[in-house]
Amino acid sequence: MKRDYSKWCSVALIAAIYALAGAAGWLLFDWLTLHPFTPSPVHPLIALLLADVLATIIVWAFGLLYENVSVYDPYWSVFPPIAFLLWAFYTGIWSLPVILLLIASWYWGWRLTRNWAITFKGIGHEDWRYTKYRSKHPLVFQLINLFGLNMMPTLVVFAAMLPGLKLFETTNPLTTNPLTLCLLIFGFIVCLASATIQLIADKQSHDFRAAHPGQVCNIGLWKHGRHPNYFGEIQFWWGMWIMYASLNGIDMYIGGAIAMTALFLGISIPLMEKRQLANKPDYSEYRKQTRMLI
């Protein structure tokens, strides 16, 4: 059902889809963890993951309905802050690490969702990456769509969220070790700085493209790195891990930040670089003169 609506009708439609997906996810979580008729209660983190997967499937299904994978795009920035807030209400824990986590995640989520809303053109417009996969792999595209373009990012984000979710279980008292408190605050500052870098990079890119269409943005942060927005995104999840590690040390939960870094370095950045090289003749020289991230 390939349809198009005005931008703000499309935004309202996306919001309704996400509300439905969120409600379904919450009902599943409630049934798995709280319902008296549940045969065997599921660990809350597993229940949250299953709720996340169900919500993703619902968003994916509406993407099929509207023939537009971009229905999933804002999910990346919407789920984490809402999940962290609901987790705080579910656990009843409002410690200093949790409050800092909520501030950082909501600031980050606001920035990323805001950028999506600015660049979103309507339900009839699909991101060029998805269009490329659709035309290049028509026979297996729906498998790529479900598992590669929807489910894989959901799982990577959930893995990167685990250090934040585990902060709710932390019993390490901050007052006994000043270094612990300093590292926690440092991780929080890294998260805020990361989202701010992305916010500034967005503004500089939008303004430059409006004034110089078709040219390579090489001003401000873009003068010092080819992908300051991606750099900020990677750094945000490392900042969250630093907050967790300040209280728990280095353990397996570092895997989420590593997976997030690999996703950008192995998929997102190479795709963008290839597109820029093909569409902008000056990008090759810009690439030689400017570092990838820092």
Protein backbone atom coordinates (compact mmCIF):
# COMPACT_ATOMS: atom_id res chain seq x y z
CA MET A 1 0.00 0.00 0.00
CA LYS A 2 2.22 2.76 -1.32
CA ARG A 3 0.66 5.98 -0.10
CA ASP A 4 1.87 9.43 0.73
CA TYR A 5 0.55 11.95 3.21
CA SER A 6 1.63 15.38 4.33
CA LYS A 7 4.66 15.45 6.58
CA TRP A 8 2.77 16.07 9.80
CA CYS A 9 0.04 13.56 8.98
CA SER A 10 2.86 11.09 8.42
CA VAL A 11 4.41 12.01 11.78
CA ALA A 12 1.04 11.46 13.48
CA LEU A 13 0.75 8.10 11.72
CA ILE A 14 4.23 7.06 12.88
CA ALA A 15 3.34 8.15 16.43
CA ALA A 16 0.17 6.03 16.34
CA ILE A 17 2.13 3.02 15.07
CA TYR A 18 4.68 3.42 17.84
CA ALA A 19 1.97 3.82 20.46
CA LEU A 20 0.43 0.55 19.31
CA ALA A 21 3.84 -1.19 19.28
CA GLY A 22 4.64 0.19 22.73
CA ALA A 23 1.31 -0.93 24.17
CA ALA A 24 1.78 -4.43 22.75
CA GLY A 25 5.30 -4.60 24.17
CA TRP A 26 4.13 -3.44 27.59
CA LEU A 27 1.30 -5.99 27.66
CA LEU A 28 3.76 -8.77 26.82
CA PHE A 29 6.19 -7.58 29.49
CA ASP A 30 3.38 -7.38 32.02
CA TRP A 31 2.17 -10.88 31.16
CA LEU A 32 5.65 -12.39 31.33
CA THR A 33 6.64 -10.79 34.64
CA LEU A 34 3.56 -9.83 36.59
CA HIS A 35 0.56 -11.84 35.43
CA PRO A 36 -0.51 -14.46 37.99
CA PHE A 37 -1.37 -16.96 35.23
CA THR A 38 2.08 -16.91 33.66
CA PRO A 39 3.29 -20.55 33.77
CA SER A 40 6.87 -19.63 34.66
CA PRO A 41 7.88 -16.02 35.37
CA VAL A 42 10.54 -14.71 32.99
CA HIS A 43 13.52 -12.67 34.14
CA PRO A 44 12.56 -8.99 33.69
CA LEU A 45 15.50 -8.25 31.38
CA ILE A 46 14.53 -11.17 29.12
CA ALA A 47 10.92 -9.99 29.23
CA LEU A 48 12.03 -6.47 28.24
CA LEU A 49 14.03 -7.88 25.33
CA LEU A 50 11.03 -9.92 24.14
CA ALA A 51 8.81 -6.83 24.44
CA ASP A 52 11.38 -4.89 22.40
CA VAL A 53 11.39 -7.62 19.74
CA LEU A 54 7.57 -7.68 19.60
CA ALA A 55 7.40 -3.90 19.22
CA THR A 56 9.99 -4.10 16.43
CA ILE A 57 7.96 -6.75 14.61
CA ILE A 58 4.85 -4.55 14.78
CA VAL A 59 6.79 -1.56 13.40
CA TRP A 60 8.25 -3.81 10.69
CA ALA A 61 4.74 -5.03 9.78
CA PHE A 62 3.53 -1.47 9.28
CA GLY A 63 6.65 -0.85 7.19
CA LEU A 64 5.47 -3.70 4.98
CA LEU A 65 1.97 -2.26 4.87
CA TYR A 66 3.21 1.14 3.73
CA GLU A 67 6.07 -0.32 1.65
CA ASN A 68 8.52 1.84 3.53
CA VAL A 69 11.29 0.52 5.79
CA SER A 70 11.80 4.07 7.09
CA VAL A 71 8.82 3.52 9.40
CA TYR A 72 11.46 1.95 11.66
CA ASP A 73 13.88 4.91 11.60
CA PRO A 74 12.83 6.75 14.79
CA TYR A 75 12.64 3.50 16.79
CA TRP A 76 16.37 3.74 17.48
CA SER A 77 15.98 6.99 19.43
CA VAL A 78 12.51 6.45 20.92
CA PHE A 79 12.83 3.08 22.63
CA PRO A 80 15.88 3.59 24.92
CA PRO A 81 14.78 6.71 26.87
CA ILE A 82 11.21 5.43 27.27
CA ALA A 83 12.45 1.98 28.31
CA PHE A 84 14.83 3.48 30.89
CA LEU A 85 12.05 5.63 32.35
CA LEU A 86 9.60 2.74 32.54
CA TRP A 87 12.34 0.59 34.07
CA ALA A 88 12.77 3.19 36.81
CA PHE A 89 9.05 3.02 37.60
CA TYR A 90 9.08 -0.78 37.39
CA THR A 91 12.05 -1.18 39.76
CA GLY A 92 11.22 1.82 41.94
CA ILE A 93 14.91 2.79 41.89
CA TRP A 94 15.75 6.48 41.54
CA SER A 95 19.39 6.56 42.61
CA LEU A 96 21.88 9.17 41.43
CA PRO A 97 23.25 6.89 38.65
CA VAL A 98 19.68 6.25 37.45
CA ILE A 99 18.76 9.94 37.44
CA LEU A 100 21.93 10.79 35.48
CA LEU A 101 21.15 7.98 33.05
CA LEU A 102 17.62 9.29 32.50
CA ILE A 103 18.84 12.83 31.89
CA ALA A 104 21.50 11.67 29.42
CA SER A 105 19.24 9.25 27.53
CA TRP A 106 16.35 11.70 27.20
CA TYR A 107 18.65 14.47 25.99
CA TRP A 108 20.19 12.09 23.46
CA GLY A 109 16.78 10.74 22.41
CA TRP A 110 15.36 14.25 22.02
CA ARG A 111 18.28 15.27 19.79
CA LEU A 112 18.09 12.23 17.55
CA THR A 113 14.28 12.22 17.27
CA ARG A 114 14.33 15.95 16.56
CA ASN A 115 16.78 15.42 13.72
CA TRP A 116 14.58 12.64 12.34
CA ALA A 117 11.54 14.95 12.44
CA ILE A 118 13.45 17.71 10.62
CA THR A 119 14.70 15.43 7.84
CA PHE A 120 11.57 13.23 7.60
CA LYS A 121 9.75 13.91 4.32
CA GLY A 122 6.66 11.76 4.78
CA ILE A 123 5.53 8.17 4.79
CA GLY A 124 5.92 8.01 1.01
CA HIS A 125 9.67 8.69 1.17
CA GLU A 126 12.05 5.83 1.93
CA ASP A 127 15.67 6.29 3.00
CA TRP A 128 18.15 5.77 0.15
CA ARG A 129 19.86 2.90 2.00
CA TYR A 130 16.67 0.85 2.05
CA THR A 131 15.86 1.70 -1.55
CA LYS A 132 19.33 0.47 -2.51
CA TYR A 133 18.84 -2.87 -0.74
CA ARG A 134 15.34 -3.19 -2.22
CA SER A 135 16.58 -2.76 -5.80
CA LYS A 136 19.83 -4.70 -5.37
CA HIS A 137 18.38 -7.77 -3.61
CA PRO A 138 14.71 -8.02 -4.69
CA LEU A 139 14.37 -11.76 -4.06
CA VAL A 140 15.61 -11.72 -0.47
CA PHE A 141 14.82 -8.12 0.40
CA GLN A 142 12.10 -8.91 2.94
CA LEU A 143 14.49 -11.16 4.85
CA ILE A 144 17.07 -8.36 4.81
CA ASN A 145 14.32 -5.99 5.85
CA LEU A 146 13.16 -7.96 8.90
CA PHE A 147 16.45 -9.32 10.18
CA GLY A 148 19.01 -6.85 8.89
CA LEU A 149 17.27 -3.46 8.77
CA ASN A 150 14.86 -3.84 11.69
CA MET A 151 15.80 -6.63 14.08
CA MET A 152 19.58 -6.32 13.98
CA PRO A 153 19.63 -2.62 15.02
CA THR A 154 17.08 -3.38 17.75
CA LEU A 155 19.31 -6.11 19.19
CA VAL A 156 22.47 -3.99 18.94
CA VAL A 157 20.77 -1.09 20.71
CA PHE A 158 19.42 -3.41 23.41
CA ALA A 159 22.91 -4.82 23.96
CA ALA A 160 24.27 -1.27 24.24
CA MET A 161 21.47 -0.43 26.71
CA LEU A 162 22.35 -3.29 29.07
CA PRO A 163 24.99 -1.31 31.01
CA GLY A 164 22.35 1.36 31.64
CA LEU A 165 19.76 -1.21 32.69
CA LYS A 166 22.28 -2.86 35.02
CA LEU A 167 22.86 0.50 36.72
CA PHE A 168 19.50 -0.08 38.39
CA GLU A 169 20.97 -3.11 40.18
CA THR A 170 24.09 -1.34 41.41
CA THR A 171 24.52 -1.30 45.18
CA ASN A 172 28.02 0.19 45.24
CA PRO A 173 27.76 3.30 47.50
CA LEU A 174 29.18 6.33 45.76
CA THR A 175 30.20 8.06 48.98
CA THR A 176 32.86 5.49 49.88
CA ASN A 177 35.01 6.08 46.81
CA PRO A 178 35.48 9.55 45.30
CA LEU A 179 37.03 8.00 42.18
CA THR A 180 33.86 6.03 41.54
CA LEU A 181 31.78 9.19 41.71
CA CYS A 182 34.21 11.03 39.43
CA LEU A 183 34.07 8.26 36.82
CA LEU A 184 30.27 8.19 37.00
CA ILE A 185 30.10 11.96 36.42
CA PHE A 186 32.68 11.66 33.65
CA GLY A 187 30.57 9.05 31.85
CA PHE A 188 27.54 11.30 32.23
CA ILE A 189 29.46 14.26 30.78
CA VAL A 190 30.63 12.08 27.87
CA CYS A 191 26.98 11.23 27.11
CA LEU A 192 25.89 14.87 27.22
CA ALA A 193 28.88 16.00 25.15
CA SER A 194 28.17 13.29 22.58
CA ALA A 195 24.57 14.37 22.04
CA THR A 196 25.69 18.01 21.91
CA ILE A 197 28.29 17.18 19.25
CA GLN A 198 25.52 15.55 17.22
CA LEU A 199 23.23 18.53 17.73
CA ILE A 200 25.89 20.98 16.53
CA ALA A 201 26.86 18.73 13.61
CA ASP A 202 23.20 18.49 12.55
CA LYS A 203 22.78 22.27 12.56
CA GLN A 204 25.99 22.88 10.65
CA SER A 205 25.12 20.23 8.06
CA HIS A 206 21.53 21.44 7.53
CA ASP A 207 22.64 25.08 7.19
CA PHE A 208 25.48 24.23 4.81
CA ARG A 209 23.36 22.03 2.56
CA ALA A 210 20.68 24.72 2.37
CA ALA A 211 23.25 27.34 1.34
CA HIS A 212 25.45 25.08 -0.81
CA PRO A 213 23.38 22.22 -2.26
CA GLY A 214 25.40 19.36 -3.68
CA GLN A 215 28.66 20.47 -2.09
CA VAL A 216 30.70 18.70 0.58
CA CYS A 217 30.12 20.10 4.06
CA ASN A 218 33.58 20.92 5.39
CA ILE A 219 32.89 23.57 8.00
CA GLY A 220 32.76 23.49 11.78
CA LEU A 221 32.90 19.98 13.20
CA TRP A 222 32.83 18.58 9.66
CA LYS A 223 36.20 20.20 9.07
CA HIS A 224 37.76 18.00 11.74
CA GLY A 225 35.94 14.74 11.02
CA ARG A 226 33.94 13.33 8.10
CA HIS A 227 31.27 11.90 10.40
CA PRO A 228 30.96 13.95 13.61
CA ASN A 229 27.35 12.80 14.01
CA TYR A 230 28.39 9.14 13.94
CA PHE A 231 31.30 9.92 16.24
CA GLY A 232 28.86 11.42 18.74
CA GLU A 233 26.58 8.38 18.48
CA ILE A 234 29.39 5.92 19.13
CA GLN A 235 30.73 8.03 21.97
CA PHE A 236 27.30 8.25 23.64
CA TRP A 237 27.11 4.49 24.16
CA TRP A 238 30.67 4.39 25.47
CA GLY A 239 29.71 7.15 27.89
CA MET A 240 26.84 5.01 29.17
CA TRP A 241 29.21 2.08 29.58
CA ILE A 242 31.66 4.28 31.52
CA MET A 243 28.85 5.15 33.92
CA TYR A 244 28.21 1.44 34.45
CA ALA A 245 31.91 0.52 34.64
CA SER A 246 32.55 3.21 37.26
CA LEU A 247 30.46 1.14 39.67
CA ASN A 248 30.99 -2.39 38.38
CA GLY A 249 34.32 -2.55 36.60
CA ILE A 250 34.99 -4.07 33.18
CA ASP A 251 32.93 -7.13 32.35
CA MET A 252 30.91 -8.66 29.53
CA TYR A 253 28.61 -5.65 29.29
CA ILE A 254 31.30 -3.81 27.35
CA GLY A 255 30.12 -5.93 24.41
CA GLY A 256 27.20 -3.61 23.65
CA ALA A 257 29.42 -0.56 23.10
CA ILE A 258 31.79 -2.67 21.00
CA ALA A 259 28.89 -3.95 18.87
CA MET A 260 27.62 -0.40 18.39
CA THR A 261 31.07 0.75 17.28
CA ALA A 262 31.35 -2.18 14.87
CA LEU A 263 27.93 -1.37 13.41
CA PHE A 264 28.99 2.15 12.49
CA LEU A 265 32.53 1.35 11.40
CA GLY A 266 31.52 -1.75 9.45
CA ILE A 267 28.18 -0.77 7.91
CA SER A 268 26.89 2.79 8.39
CA ILE A 269 30.07 4.72 7.61
CA PRO A 270 31.16 2.62 4.58
CA LEU A 271 27.66 2.97 3.07
CA MET A 272 27.70 6.74 3.53
CA GLU A 273 31.26 7.05 2.20
CA LYS A 274 30.40 5.08 -0.94
CA ARG A 275 27.35 7.26 -1.59
CA GLN A 276 29.27 10.49 -1.05
CA LEU A 277 32.08 9.41 -3.35
CA ALA A 278 29.56 8.56 -6.07
CA ASN A 279 27.50 11.75 -5.77
CA LYS A 280 30.03 14.45 -4.87
CA PRO A 281 33.21 14.80 -6.98
CA ASP A 282 34.96 16.82 -4.25
CA TYR A 283 34.42 14.16 -1.59
CA SER A 284 37.51 12.17 -2.59
CA GLU A 285 39.79 15.12 -1.82
CA TYR A 286 37.85 15.90 1.36
CA ARG A 287 38.30 12.27 2.39
CA LYS A 288 42.07 12.52 1.96
CA GLN A 289 42.31 15.69 4.04
CA THR A 290 39.86 14.85 6.85
CA ARG A 291 39.88 12.04 9.38
CA MET A 292 36.95 9.66 9.58
CA LEU A 293 35.84 10.42 13.14
CA ILE A 294 38.26 12.59 15.08
